[in-house]
Amino acid sequence: MAPAERIYRVIFHNQGKVYEIYARNISDGGLLGFVEIEELTFGERTQVVVDPAEEKLKSEFAGVKRTYVPMHAVIRVDEVEKEGQAKISDSDGNVTPFPMPVYGPGKGSD
């Protein structure tokens, strides 16, 4: 019997919202400070009820083979038994993203 395929739930901050997505592969990737997320999965297309939040995620990530999320934006990564519903929700204030210094042209090079 072949081993079951792993599925990961990744929750992260993006533009003031909290994204919850599912993927088959997660790694620290080749870009320093980023989490590499590959093979995003979405709910079965045979569902009668269509969730607008999941549809928005599907269209946002349409054609994306791999995405890189800044490590400081990641809230949590879980290996789960089965895929859940991808969603975007408002940040309720319980989790604050890690502050990041802002470097602009000419700053910090003195």
N, C-alpha and C. Protein backbone atom coordinates (compact mmCIF):
# COMPACT_ATOMS: atom_id res chain seq x y z
N MET A 1 0.84 -1.20 0.00
CA MET A 1 0.00 0.00 0.00
C MET A 1 0.88 1.25 0.00
N ALA A 2 0.60 2.19 -0.87
CA ALA A 2 1.38 3.42 -0.97
C ALA A 2 1.07 4.33 0.22
N PRO A 3 2.08 5.07 0.68
CA PRO A 3 1.83 5.98 1.79
C PRO A 3 0.86 7.08 1.38
N ALA A 4 0.07 7.53 2.34
CA ALA A 4 -0.90 8.59 2.07
C ALA A 4 -0.17 9.88 1.71
N GLU A 5 -0.75 10.64 0.80
CA GLU A 5 -0.16 11.90 0.40
C GLU A 5 -0.35 12.92 1.51
N ARG A 6 0.70 13.64 1.83
CA ARG A 6 0.64 14.63 2.90
C ARG A 6 -0.09 15.88 2.42
N ILE A 7 -0.84 16.47 3.34
CA ILE A 7 -1.52 17.74 3.08
C ILE A 7 -1.21 18.68 4.24
N TYR A 8 -0.86 19.90 3.91
CA TYR A 8 -0.51 20.90 4.92
C TYR A 8 -1.50 22.05 4.87
N ARG A 9 -1.86 22.55 6.06
CA ARG A 9 -2.65 23.77 6.18
C ARG A 9 -1.68 24.87 6.57
N VAL A 10 -1.68 25.95 5.79
CA VAL A 10 -0.78 27.07 6.06
C VAL A 10 -1.64 28.30 6.32
N ILE A 11 -1.42 28.93 7.46
CA ILE A 11 -2.16 30.14 7.82
C ILE A 11 -1.14 31.28 7.89
N PHE A 12 -1.42 32.37 7.16
CA PHE A 12 -0.48 33.48 7.13
C PHE A 12 -1.19 34.81 6.91
N HIS A 13 -0.49 35.89 7.27
CA HIS A 13 -0.99 37.25 7.05
C HIS A 13 -0.64 37.69 5.63
N ASN A 14 -1.59 38.39 4.98
CA ASN A 14 -1.35 38.96 3.66
C ASN A 14 -2.24 40.17 3.50
N GLN A 15 -1.65 41.34 3.40
CA GLN A 15 -2.35 42.60 3.16
C GLN A 15 -3.50 42.82 4.15
N GLY A 16 -3.24 42.63 5.44
CA GLY A 16 -4.23 42.89 6.47
C GLY A 16 -5.27 41.80 6.66
N LYS A 17 -5.17 40.72 5.90
CA LYS A 17 -6.10 39.59 6.01
C LYS A 17 -5.33 38.35 6.47
N VAL A 18 -6.09 37.36 6.93
CA VAL A 18 -5.50 36.07 7.30
C VAL A 18 -5.92 35.05 6.25
N TYR A 19 -4.95 34.45 5.59
CA TYR A 19 -5.20 33.46 4.56
C TYR A 19 -5.00 32.07 5.17
N GLU A 20 -5.89 31.14 4.83
CA GLU A 20 -5.74 29.74 5.19
C GLU A 20 -5.80 28.95 3.91
N ILE A 21 -4.69 28.33 3.54
CA ILE A 21 -4.62 27.56 2.30
C ILE A 21 -4.10 26.16 2.59
N TYR A 22 -4.30 25.26 1.63
CA TYR A 22 -3.86 23.88 1.75
C TYR A 22 -2.92 23.57 0.60
N ALA A 23 -1.85 22.81 0.92
CA ALA A 23 -0.86 22.48 -0.10
C ALA A 23 -0.28 21.10 0.17
N ARG A 24 0.30 20.53 -0.87
CA ARG A 24 0.89 19.20 -0.75
C ARG A 24 2.38 19.24 -0.39
N ASN A 25 3.02 20.39 -0.54
CA ASN A 25 4.45 20.47 -0.27
C ASN A 25 4.81 21.83 0.34
N ILE A 26 5.53 21.79 1.45
CA ILE A 26 6.00 23.00 2.14
C ILE A 26 7.48 22.81 2.43
N SER A 27 8.26 23.87 2.23
CA SER A 27 9.69 23.80 2.58
C SER A 27 10.21 25.19 2.90
N ASP A 28 11.45 25.23 3.38
CA ASP A 28 12.05 26.54 3.66
C ASP A 28 12.54 27.19 2.38
N GLY A 29 12.47 26.47 1.28
CA GLY A 29 12.69 27.03 -0.04
C GLY A 29 14.11 27.51 -0.30
N GLY A 30 14.28 28.07 -1.45
CA GLY A 30 15.58 28.57 -1.86
C GLY A 30 15.77 30.05 -1.59
N LEU A 31 14.73 30.73 -1.13
CA LEU A 31 14.84 32.15 -0.84
C LEU A 31 14.93 32.35 0.67
N LEU A 32 15.99 32.94 1.12
CA LEU A 32 16.22 33.16 2.55
C LEU A 32 15.08 33.99 3.15
N GLY A 33 14.48 33.49 4.22
CA GLY A 33 13.43 34.23 4.91
C GLY A 33 12.03 33.98 4.37
N PHE A 34 11.88 33.03 3.46
CA PHE A 34 10.58 32.73 2.87
C PHE A 34 10.23 31.26 3.06
N VAL A 35 8.94 30.97 3.16
CA VAL A 35 8.42 29.61 3.17
C VAL A 35 7.90 29.32 1.77
N GLU A 36 8.35 28.23 1.18
CA GLU A 36 7.95 27.85 -0.17
C GLU A 36 6.74 26.93 -0.08
N ILE A 37 5.66 27.29 -0.77
CA ILE A 37 4.43 26.51 -0.75
C ILE A 37 4.14 26.07 -2.18
N GLU A 38 4.03 24.73 -2.37
CA GLU A 38 3.82 24.18 -3.70
C GLU A 38 2.56 23.32 -3.74
N GLU A 39 2.02 23.18 -4.93
CA GLU A 39 0.86 22.32 -5.19
C GLU A 39 -0.32 22.68 -4.29
N LEU A 40 -0.78 23.91 -4.41
CA LEU A 40 -1.95 24.35 -3.64
C LEU A 40 -3.16 23.52 -4.04
N THR A 41 -3.99 23.21 -3.07
CA THR A 41 -5.20 22.43 -3.34
C THR A 41 -6.42 23.22 -2.89
N PHE A 42 -7.50 23.01 -3.60
CA PHE A 42 -8.76 23.66 -3.26
C PHE A 42 -9.85 22.60 -3.25
N GLY A 43 -10.99 22.93 -2.67
CA GLY A 43 -12.10 21.98 -2.53
C GLY A 43 -12.50 21.34 -3.84
N GLU A 44 -13.23 20.26 -3.72
CA GLU A 44 -13.68 19.55 -4.91
C GLU A 44 -14.61 20.43 -5.74
N ARG A 45 -14.48 20.33 -7.01
CA ARG A 45 -15.27 21.15 -7.93
C ARG A 45 -16.70 20.64 -8.09
N THR A 46 -17.01 19.52 -7.46
CA THR A 46 -18.35 18.95 -7.59
C THR A 46 -19.31 19.47 -6.52
N GLN A 47 -18.79 20.31 -5.62
CA GLN A 47 -19.65 20.83 -4.56
C GLN A 47 -20.76 21.70 -5.14
N VAL A 48 -21.94 21.58 -4.58
CA VAL A 48 -23.08 22.38 -5.04
C VAL A 48 -22.97 23.80 -4.48
N VAL A 49 -22.58 23.92 -3.21
CA VAL A 49 -22.46 25.23 -2.57
C VAL A 49 -21.09 25.81 -2.90
N VAL A 50 -21.08 27.03 -3.41
CA VAL A 50 -19.84 27.70 -3.78
C VAL A 50 -19.53 28.75 -2.72
N ASP A 51 -18.32 28.65 -2.15
CA ASP A 51 -17.88 29.61 -1.14
C ASP A 51 -17.14 30.76 -1.83
N PRO A 52 -17.63 32.00 -1.70
CA PRO A 52 -16.98 33.13 -2.39
C PRO A 52 -15.54 33.34 -1.96
N ALA A 53 -15.22 33.10 -0.68
CA ALA A 53 -13.84 33.30 -0.21
C ALA A 53 -12.90 32.29 -0.87
N GLU A 54 -13.35 31.05 -1.00
CA GLU A 54 -12.51 30.04 -1.64
C GLU A 54 -12.38 30.33 -3.13
N GLU A 55 -13.44 30.80 -3.75
CA GLU A 55 -13.38 31.15 -5.17
C GLU A 55 -12.40 32.30 -5.40
N LYS A 56 -12.37 33.26 -4.46
CA LYS A 56 -11.42 34.38 -4.56
C LYS A 56 -10.00 33.86 -4.48
N LEU A 57 -9.75 32.93 -3.56
CA LEU A 57 -8.42 32.33 -3.44
C LEU A 57 -8.04 31.56 -4.70
N LYS A 58 -8.98 30.80 -5.24
CA LYS A 58 -8.72 30.05 -6.47
C LYS A 58 -8.30 30.99 -7.59
N SER A 59 -9.01 32.09 -7.73
CA SER A 59 -8.66 33.02 -8.82
C SER A 59 -7.35 33.75 -8.53
N GLU A 60 -7.10 34.07 -7.26
CA GLU A 60 -5.85 34.75 -6.91
C GLU A 60 -4.63 33.87 -7.18
N PHE A 61 -4.76 32.57 -6.93
CA PHE A 61 -3.65 31.65 -7.11
C PHE A 61 -3.75 30.83 -8.40
N ALA A 62 -4.64 31.20 -9.30
CA ALA A 62 -4.78 30.49 -10.58
C ALA A 62 -3.47 30.56 -11.35
N GLY A 63 -3.00 29.41 -11.79
CA GLY A 63 -1.77 29.36 -12.57
C GLY A 63 -0.49 29.43 -11.75
N VAL A 64 -0.61 29.50 -10.42
CA VAL A 64 0.57 29.59 -9.57
C VAL A 64 1.08 28.18 -9.28
N LYS A 65 2.30 27.92 -9.67
CA LYS A 65 2.92 26.62 -9.43
C LYS A 65 3.50 26.56 -8.02
N ARG A 66 4.06 27.68 -7.59
CA ARG A 66 4.75 27.75 -6.31
C ARG A 66 4.66 29.19 -5.81
N THR A 67 4.43 29.36 -4.51
CA THR A 67 4.39 30.71 -3.95
C THR A 67 5.34 30.77 -2.76
N TYR A 68 5.89 31.94 -2.53
CA TYR A 68 6.80 32.17 -1.42
C TYR A 68 6.16 33.17 -0.48
N VAL A 69 6.01 32.78 0.78
CA VAL A 69 5.41 33.65 1.79
C VAL A 69 6.52 34.04 2.77
N PRO A 70 6.63 35.34 3.09
CA PRO A 70 7.66 35.74 4.06
C PRO A 70 7.48 34.99 5.38
N MET A 71 8.58 34.50 5.92
CA MET A 71 8.53 33.69 7.13
C MET A 71 7.84 34.42 8.29
N HIS A 72 8.05 35.73 8.38
CA HIS A 72 7.45 36.49 9.48
C HIS A 72 5.94 36.63 9.33
N ALA A 73 5.38 36.34 8.14
CA ALA A 73 3.93 36.44 7.93
C ALA A 73 3.22 35.14 8.28
N VAL A 74 3.96 34.04 8.41
CA VAL A 74 3.36 32.74 8.69
C VAL A 74 2.92 32.68 10.16
N ILE A 75 1.66 32.32 10.36
CA ILE A 75 1.13 32.14 11.71
C ILE A 75 1.31 30.70 12.14
N ARG A 76 1.01 29.77 11.23
CA ARG A 76 1.02 28.36 11.60
C ARG A 76 1.06 27.47 10.37
N VAL A 77 1.73 26.31 10.49
CA VAL A 77 1.73 25.28 9.46
C VAL A 77 1.39 23.96 10.16
N ASP A 78 0.36 23.27 9.67
CA ASP A 78 -0.06 21.99 10.24
C ASP A 78 -0.09 20.93 9.15
N GLU A 79 0.35 19.73 9.48
CA GLU A 79 0.12 18.59 8.59
C GLU A 79 -1.23 18.03 9.00
N VAL A 80 -2.17 17.93 8.07
CA VAL A 80 -3.53 17.52 8.38
C VAL A 80 -3.87 16.23 7.66
N GLU A 81 -4.92 15.55 8.15
CA GLU A 81 -5.33 14.28 7.55
C GLU A 81 -6.06 14.48 6.23
N LYS A 82 -6.86 15.55 6.14
CA LYS A 82 -7.56 15.81 4.89
C LYS A 82 -7.68 17.31 4.67
N GLU A 83 -7.87 17.63 3.43
CA GLU A 83 -7.97 19.03 3.02
C GLU A 83 -9.24 19.66 3.59
N GLY A 84 -9.12 20.88 4.06
CA GLY A 84 -10.28 21.63 4.53
C GLY A 84 -10.63 22.70 3.52
N GLN A 85 -11.39 23.67 3.96
CA GLN A 85 -11.83 24.74 3.08
C GLN A 85 -10.87 25.92 3.18
N ALA A 86 -10.30 26.30 2.05
CA ALA A 86 -9.42 27.46 2.00
C ALA A 86 -10.26 28.71 2.23
N LYS A 87 -9.69 29.69 2.92
CA LYS A 87 -10.48 30.89 3.19
C LYS A 87 -9.59 32.09 3.46
N ILE A 88 -10.21 33.25 3.34
CA ILE A 88 -9.60 34.52 3.70
C ILE A 88 -10.49 35.12 4.78
N SER A 89 -9.89 35.56 5.88
CA SER A 89 -10.69 36.18 6.93
C SER A 89 -10.01 37.46 7.41
N ASP A 90 -10.78 38.29 8.08
CA ASP A 90 -10.22 39.51 8.65
C ASP A 90 -9.35 39.15 9.83
N SER A 91 -8.28 39.90 10.00
CA SER A 91 -7.43 39.70 11.16
C SER A 91 -8.20 40.23 12.36
N ASP A 92 -8.47 39.36 13.34
CA ASP A 92 -9.30 39.77 14.47
C ASP A 92 -8.51 40.43 15.59
N GLY A 93 -7.22 40.64 15.39
CA GLY A 93 -6.43 41.35 16.39
C GLY A 93 -5.77 40.44 17.41
N ASN A 94 -6.06 39.14 17.39
CA ASN A 94 -5.43 38.23 18.34
C ASN A 94 -4.00 37.89 17.97
N VAL A 95 -3.66 38.01 16.69
CA VAL A 95 -2.32 37.72 16.24
C VAL A 95 -1.80 38.93 15.49
N THR A 96 -0.62 39.39 15.90
CA THR A 96 -0.01 40.55 15.27
C THR A 96 1.18 40.08 14.45
N PRO A 97 1.28 40.50 13.18
CA PRO A 97 2.44 40.09 12.40
C PRO A 97 3.72 40.66 13.00
N PHE A 98 4.80 39.92 12.85
CA PHE A 98 6.09 40.35 13.36
C PHE A 98 6.49 41.63 12.63
N PRO A 99 6.89 42.68 13.38
CA PRO A 99 7.27 43.93 12.71
C PRO A 99 8.52 43.73 11.86
N MET A 100 8.53 44.40 10.74
CA MET A 100 9.65 44.25 9.82
C MET A 100 10.24 45.62 9.54
N PRO A 101 11.58 45.74 9.62
CA PRO A 101 12.19 47.04 9.32
C PRO A 101 11.98 47.40 7.86
N VAL A 102 11.85 48.67 7.60
CA VAL A 102 11.66 49.14 6.23
C VAL A 102 12.97 49.77 5.76
N TYR A 103 13.50 49.21 4.71
CA TYR A 103 14.73 49.73 4.14
C TYR A 103 14.40 50.32 2.78
N GLY A 104 14.81 51.56 2.59
CA GLY A 104 14.59 52.21 1.31
C GLY A 104 15.90 52.49 0.63
N PRO A 105 15.85 53.02 -0.56
CA PRO A 105 17.09 53.33 -1.28
C PRO A 105 17.93 54.31 -0.49
N GLY A 106 19.20 53.99 -0.34
CA GLY A 106 20.14 54.90 0.32
C GLY A 106 20.12 54.83 1.83
N LYS A 107 19.17 54.12 2.43
CA LYS A 107 19.12 54.03 3.89
C LYS A 107 19.92 52.84 4.38
N GLY A 108 20.63 53.02 5.45
CA GLY A 108 21.36 51.91 6.05
C GLY A 108 22.66 51.57 5.36
N SER A 109 23.07 52.34 4.36
CA SER A 109 24.30 52.03 3.65
C SER A 109 25.43 52.97 4.02
N ASP A 110 25.20 53.81 5.03
CA ASP A 110 26.24 54.77 5.45
C ASP A 110 27.28 54.14 6.31
